[in-house]
Amino acid sequence: MLMDQYFEAMKGVLAKVETTQRDAIEKTAEEIAQRLAEGAAWHLLDTGHMLMFEGVGRTGGMMAVRPIKITCEIENPVRYRPGASSGAVGYDSIPGFADYVIGRSSIVASDIVMLGSVSGYNYFPVDLALKTREMGCLTVALTSVEYSSRLTSRHPSGKRLFEACEHVLDNCTNYGDTLVPVEELGQAICPASGVSASYIMWALQSTVVEKLLAMGKKPGVYISNHMPDAAQINQCGLDQYEKKGY
């Protein structure tokens, strides 16, 4: 069954994450914990499909992880006009957009900026990584090194995300990010990057928690809203976060 093929292939990706990314997760967590202890903020921006939802505000997750949310709505309710809206460009391809995001966000020097992009070759995430790194931020890429290595950067530096960031966490997915070949379709199905990125994110957060506890610092962690006294417990954690940043 295709389901069984997916199960086996996904297990292989996660096994590769465990065997190849352990040191990178450990080193990244060490520096994140140190910066959080010194008052830095941990920003997360994902241009993919998982981390902005899975990695933020979840039960068992750190309150320190904060998303950079980008929205852009254009309302122009006129009658149908042929040719209108042709050639639309996504924000990840707009030169200078990273400067706008930095200016509108709360990123300051010494913060942690974690960027998720499977392909890692579009203009915006690379530009944001380079510019925040130049500011003195700790930049962390969560990307597919194999996939990205086979793509040509759209940034004038020629760099892809894994080349622009100080730390790189490889989600270990393949070129094309699909696991199960289907002869009848002439293509493969079932991406690995979402599950593996989540796997890495929770491994990273658990290690950051461990590092902070070793420093004698107790980070705020969400508990499920359905648990007894959840509102009070989470509010206490959030109050601590506002004061200490973790």
Protein backbone atom coordinates (compact mmCIF):
# COMPACT_ATOMS: atom_id res chain seq x y z
CA MET A 1 0.00 0.00 0.00
CA LEU A 2 1.10 3.57 -0.64
CA MET A 3 0.37 4.32 3.01
CA ASP A 4 2.94 1.73 4.10
CA GLN A 5 5.49 3.12 1.68
CA TYR A 6 4.95 6.55 3.19
CA PHE A 7 5.29 5.25 6.74
CA GLU A 8 8.60 3.58 5.93
CA ALA A 9 9.98 6.52 3.98
CA MET A 10 8.97 9.04 6.65
CA LYS A 11 10.60 6.92 9.33
CA GLY A 12 13.76 7.00 7.24
CA VAL A 13 13.72 10.79 7.08
CA LEU A 14 13.21 11.09 10.84
CA ALA A 15 15.97 8.55 11.48
CA LYS A 16 18.28 10.66 9.30
CA VAL A 17 17.32 13.75 11.28
CA GLU A 18 18.23 11.97 14.52
CA THR A 19 21.60 10.76 13.26
CA THR A 20 22.73 13.84 11.34
CA GLN A 21 21.19 16.85 13.12
CA ARG A 22 21.86 16.10 16.76
CA ASP A 23 25.05 18.16 16.99
CA ALA A 24 23.54 21.07 15.07
CA ILE A 25 20.48 21.09 17.34
CA GLU A 26 22.69 20.97 20.43
CA LYS A 27 24.92 23.85 19.31
CA THR A 28 21.98 25.97 18.16
CA ALA A 29 20.10 25.37 21.42
CA GLU A 30 23.15 26.33 23.46
CA GLU A 31 23.39 29.73 21.82
CA ILE A 32 19.62 30.33 21.83
CA ALA A 33 19.47 29.59 25.56
CA GLN A 34 22.40 31.89 26.26
CA ARG A 35 20.83 34.72 24.30
CA LEU A 36 17.43 34.25 25.91
CA ALA A 37 19.07 34.35 29.33
CA GLU A 38 20.63 37.68 28.33
CA GLY A 39 17.29 39.18 27.30
CA ALA A 40 17.08 38.40 23.58
CA ALA A 41 13.80 37.61 21.81
CA TRP A 42 13.24 34.47 19.72
CA HIS A 43 11.53 35.27 16.41
CA LEU A 44 10.17 32.63 14.05
CA LEU A 45 9.23 33.17 10.41
CA ASP A 46 8.30 30.24 8.19
CA THR A 47 7.55 30.62 4.48
CA GLY A 48 6.46 26.98 4.32
CA HIS A 49 3.48 25.13 5.74
CA MET A 50 4.13 24.08 9.30
CA LEU A 51 6.11 26.00 11.89
CA MET A 52 4.04 29.17 12.23
CA PHE A 53 1.23 26.96 13.52
CA GLU A 54 2.96 23.95 15.03
CA GLY A 55 5.88 25.73 16.66
CA VAL A 56 4.07 28.63 18.32
CA GLY A 57 1.62 28.70 21.21
CA ARG A 58 1.22 24.94 21.48
CA THR A 59 0.87 22.99 24.70
CA GLY A 60 4.34 21.92 25.81
CA GLY A 61 5.91 24.69 23.75
CA MET A 62 8.06 27.57 24.94
CA MET A 63 6.41 30.94 25.43
CA ALA A 64 9.61 32.57 24.20
CA VAL A 65 9.01 31.52 20.57
CA ARG A 66 7.22 34.38 18.84
CA PRO A 67 6.04 34.48 15.23
CA ILE A 68 6.64 37.21 12.68
CA LYS A 69 3.27 37.36 10.94
CA ILE A 70 3.07 39.05 7.56
CA THR A 71 -0.24 39.98 5.99
CA CYS A 72 -0.91 42.13 2.95
CA GLU A 73 -4.48 42.63 1.75
CA ILE A 74 -5.42 44.62 -1.33
CA GLU A 75 -9.12 45.48 -1.74
CA ASN A 76 -10.21 46.94 -5.07
CA PRO A 77 -13.80 45.83 -5.79
CA VAL A 78 -14.28 46.85 -9.40
CA ARG A 79 -15.96 45.00 -12.25
CA TYR A 80 -14.09 42.25 -14.11
CA ARG A 81 -11.33 43.62 -16.34
CA PRO A 82 -9.28 41.32 -18.60
CA GLY A 83 -5.60 41.29 -17.75
CA ALA A 84 -6.05 42.70 -14.26
CA SER A 85 -3.88 41.13 -11.54
CA SER A 86 -1.68 39.39 -14.08
CA GLY A 87 1.94 38.96 -13.06
CA ALA A 88 1.23 39.04 -9.34
CA VAL A 89 4.39 38.82 -7.23
CA GLY A 90 4.65 37.19 -3.80
CA TYR A 91 6.34 39.09 -0.98
CA ASP A 92 9.19 36.57 -0.92
CA SER A 93 10.34 37.91 -4.29
CA ILE A 94 10.18 41.66 -3.60
CA PRO A 95 13.57 43.38 -3.24
CA GLY A 96 13.72 45.53 -0.12
CA PHE A 97 10.82 43.80 1.61
CA ALA A 98 13.14 42.47 4.33
CA ASP A 99 14.01 46.05 5.29
CA TYR A 100 10.31 46.80 5.65
CA VAL A 101 9.76 43.72 7.83
CA ILE A 102 12.73 44.56 10.05
CA GLY A 103 11.51 48.14 10.38
CA ARG A 104 7.97 47.10 11.28
CA SER A 105 8.92 44.22 13.59
CA SER A 106 10.49 44.20 17.05
CA ILE A 107 13.79 42.64 15.94
CA VAL A 108 16.84 44.16 17.60
CA ALA A 109 20.52 43.28 17.61
CA SER A 110 21.36 40.08 19.55
CA ASP A 111 17.88 38.56 18.99
CA ILE A 112 17.32 35.08 17.56
CA VAL A 113 15.81 34.97 14.06
CA MET A 114 14.74 31.50 12.96
CA LEU A 115 13.75 31.16 9.31
CA GLY A 116 11.97 28.17 7.79
CA SER A 117 12.04 27.60 4.04
CA VAL A 118 12.27 24.17 2.44
CA SER A 119 13.74 25.40 -0.85
CA GLY A 120 15.59 28.32 0.72
CA TYR A 121 16.35 30.09 -2.55
CA ASN A 122 13.83 32.93 -2.76
CA TYR A 123 14.89 36.54 -2.31
CA PHE A 124 13.10 37.44 0.90
CA PRO A 125 14.21 34.77 3.41
CA VAL A 126 17.82 35.02 2.23
CA ASP A 127 17.73 38.82 2.40
CA LEU A 128 16.17 38.77 5.86
CA ALA A 129 18.78 36.28 7.07
CA LEU A 130 21.69 38.34 5.75
CA LYS A 131 20.39 41.63 7.10
CA THR A 132 19.46 40.39 10.57
CA ARG A 133 22.76 38.54 10.82
CA GLU A 134 24.56 41.77 9.94
CA MET A 135 22.61 43.44 12.77
CA GLY A 136 24.11 40.94 15.19
CA CYS A 137 21.17 38.57 15.44
CA LEU A 138 21.62 34.83 15.73
CA THR A 139 20.22 33.46 12.47
CA VAL A 140 18.95 29.89 12.24
CA ALA A 141 17.83 28.22 9.02
CA LEU A 142 15.43 25.29 8.98
CA THR A 143 15.63 24.08 5.41
CA SER A 144 16.39 21.17 3.08
CA VAL A 145 20.07 21.33 2.21
CA GLU A 146 19.77 18.67 -0.49
CA TYR A 147 16.82 20.38 -2.16
CA SER A 148 18.20 23.90 -1.84
CA SER A 149 21.65 22.90 -3.11
CA ARG A 150 20.12 22.01 -6.46
CA LEU A 151 18.38 25.37 -6.89
CA THR A 152 19.83 28.68 -8.04
CA SER A 153 19.45 31.51 -5.56
CA ARG A 154 17.18 34.39 -6.50
CA HIS A 155 19.17 36.71 -4.24
CA PRO A 156 21.92 38.85 -5.80
CA SER A 157 24.41 37.46 -3.27
CA GLY A 158 23.98 34.05 -4.88
CA LYS A 159 23.39 32.56 -1.43
CA ARG A 160 20.65 30.22 -0.36
CA LEU A 161 19.22 30.19 3.15
CA PHE A 162 21.57 27.47 4.39
CA GLU A 163 24.49 29.63 3.23
CA ALA A 164 23.10 32.88 4.67
CA CYS A 165 22.45 31.76 8.26
CA GLU A 166 24.88 31.13 11.08
CA HIS A 167 23.22 27.88 12.13
CA VAL A 168 21.55 25.36 9.81
CA LEU A 169 19.06 22.67 10.77
CA ASP A 170 18.48 20.33 7.84
CA ASN A 171 15.01 18.78 7.58
CA CYS A 172 16.62 15.99 5.53
CA THR A 173 13.96 15.88 2.84
CA ASN A 174 14.93 15.18 -0.75
CA TYR A 175 14.94 17.18 -3.97
CA GLY A 176 11.26 17.77 -4.75
CA ASP A 177 10.21 16.98 -1.16
CA THR A 178 8.12 13.88 -1.91
CA LEU A 179 8.50 10.36 -0.60
CA VAL A 180 6.24 7.91 -2.43
CA PRO A 181 6.59 7.36 -6.21
CA VAL A 182 3.28 6.65 -7.96
CA GLU A 183 3.79 5.21 -11.43
CA GLU A 184 0.23 5.90 -12.54
CA LEU A 185 0.60 9.61 -11.75
CA GLY A 186 4.08 9.92 -13.16
CA GLN A 187 5.22 11.63 -9.98
CA ALA A 188 5.78 11.12 -6.27
CA ILE A 189 3.43 12.13 -3.45
CA CYS A 190 3.59 12.83 0.31
CA PRO A 191 6.01 15.60 1.37
CA ALA A 192 8.35 15.02 4.28
CA SER A 193 9.37 18.57 5.14
CA GLY A 194 6.43 19.51 7.37
CA VAL A 195 6.71 16.52 9.67
CA SER A 196 10.50 16.63 9.82
CA ALA A 197 10.55 20.38 10.46
CA SER A 198 8.15 19.90 13.36
CA TYR A 199 10.32 17.03 14.65
CA ILE A 200 13.37 19.27 14.62
CA MET A 201 11.55 22.22 16.16
CA TRP A 202 10.43 20.24 19.19
CA ALA A 203 13.86 18.66 19.57
CA LEU A 204 15.32 22.16 19.53
CA GLN A 205 12.83 23.55 22.04
CA SER A 206 13.36 20.62 24.41
CA THR A 207 17.11 21.19 24.28
CA VAL A 208 16.75 24.92 24.88
CA VAL A 209 14.58 24.17 27.92
CA GLU A 210 17.23 21.77 29.17
CA LYS A 211 19.99 24.36 28.71
CA LEU A 212 18.04 27.07 30.52
CA LEU A 213 17.26 24.77 33.43
CA ALA A 214 20.96 23.96 33.68
CA MET A 215 21.55 27.72 34.06
CA GLY A 216 19.06 27.82 36.91
CA LYS A 217 16.40 29.51 34.79
CA LYS A 218 12.88 28.13 34.48
CA PRO A 219 11.36 28.98 31.08
CA GLY A 220 7.66 29.54 30.57
CA VAL A 221 5.97 26.61 28.81
CA TYR A 222 2.32 26.45 27.78
CA ILE A 223 0.04 23.80 29.22
CA SER A 224 -3.16 22.75 27.47
CA ASN A 225 -6.11 25.07 28.03
CA HIS A 226 -8.11 21.99 28.97
CA MET A 227 -5.95 21.18 32.01
CA PRO A 228 -6.93 22.22 35.55
CA ASP A 229 -6.02 25.86 36.35
CA ALA A 230 -4.57 26.25 32.84
CA ALA A 231 -5.52 29.90 32.46
CA GLN A 232 -3.85 30.87 35.73
CA ILE A 233 -0.73 28.79 35.09
CA ASN A 234 -0.29 30.06 31.54
CA GLN A 235 -0.84 33.65 32.63
CA CYS A 236 1.88 33.31 35.27
CA GLY A 237 4.21 32.00 32.59
CA LEU A 238 3.31 34.84 30.25
CA ASP A 239 3.87 37.39 33.00
CA GLN A 240 7.32 35.93 33.55
CA TYR A 241 7.97 36.03 29.81
CA GLU A 242 7.14 39.73 29.69
CA LYS A 243 9.63 40.39 32.49
CA LYS A 244 12.47 38.02 31.54
CA GLY A 245 11.96 37.04 27.89
CA TYR A 246 11.79 33.28 28.46
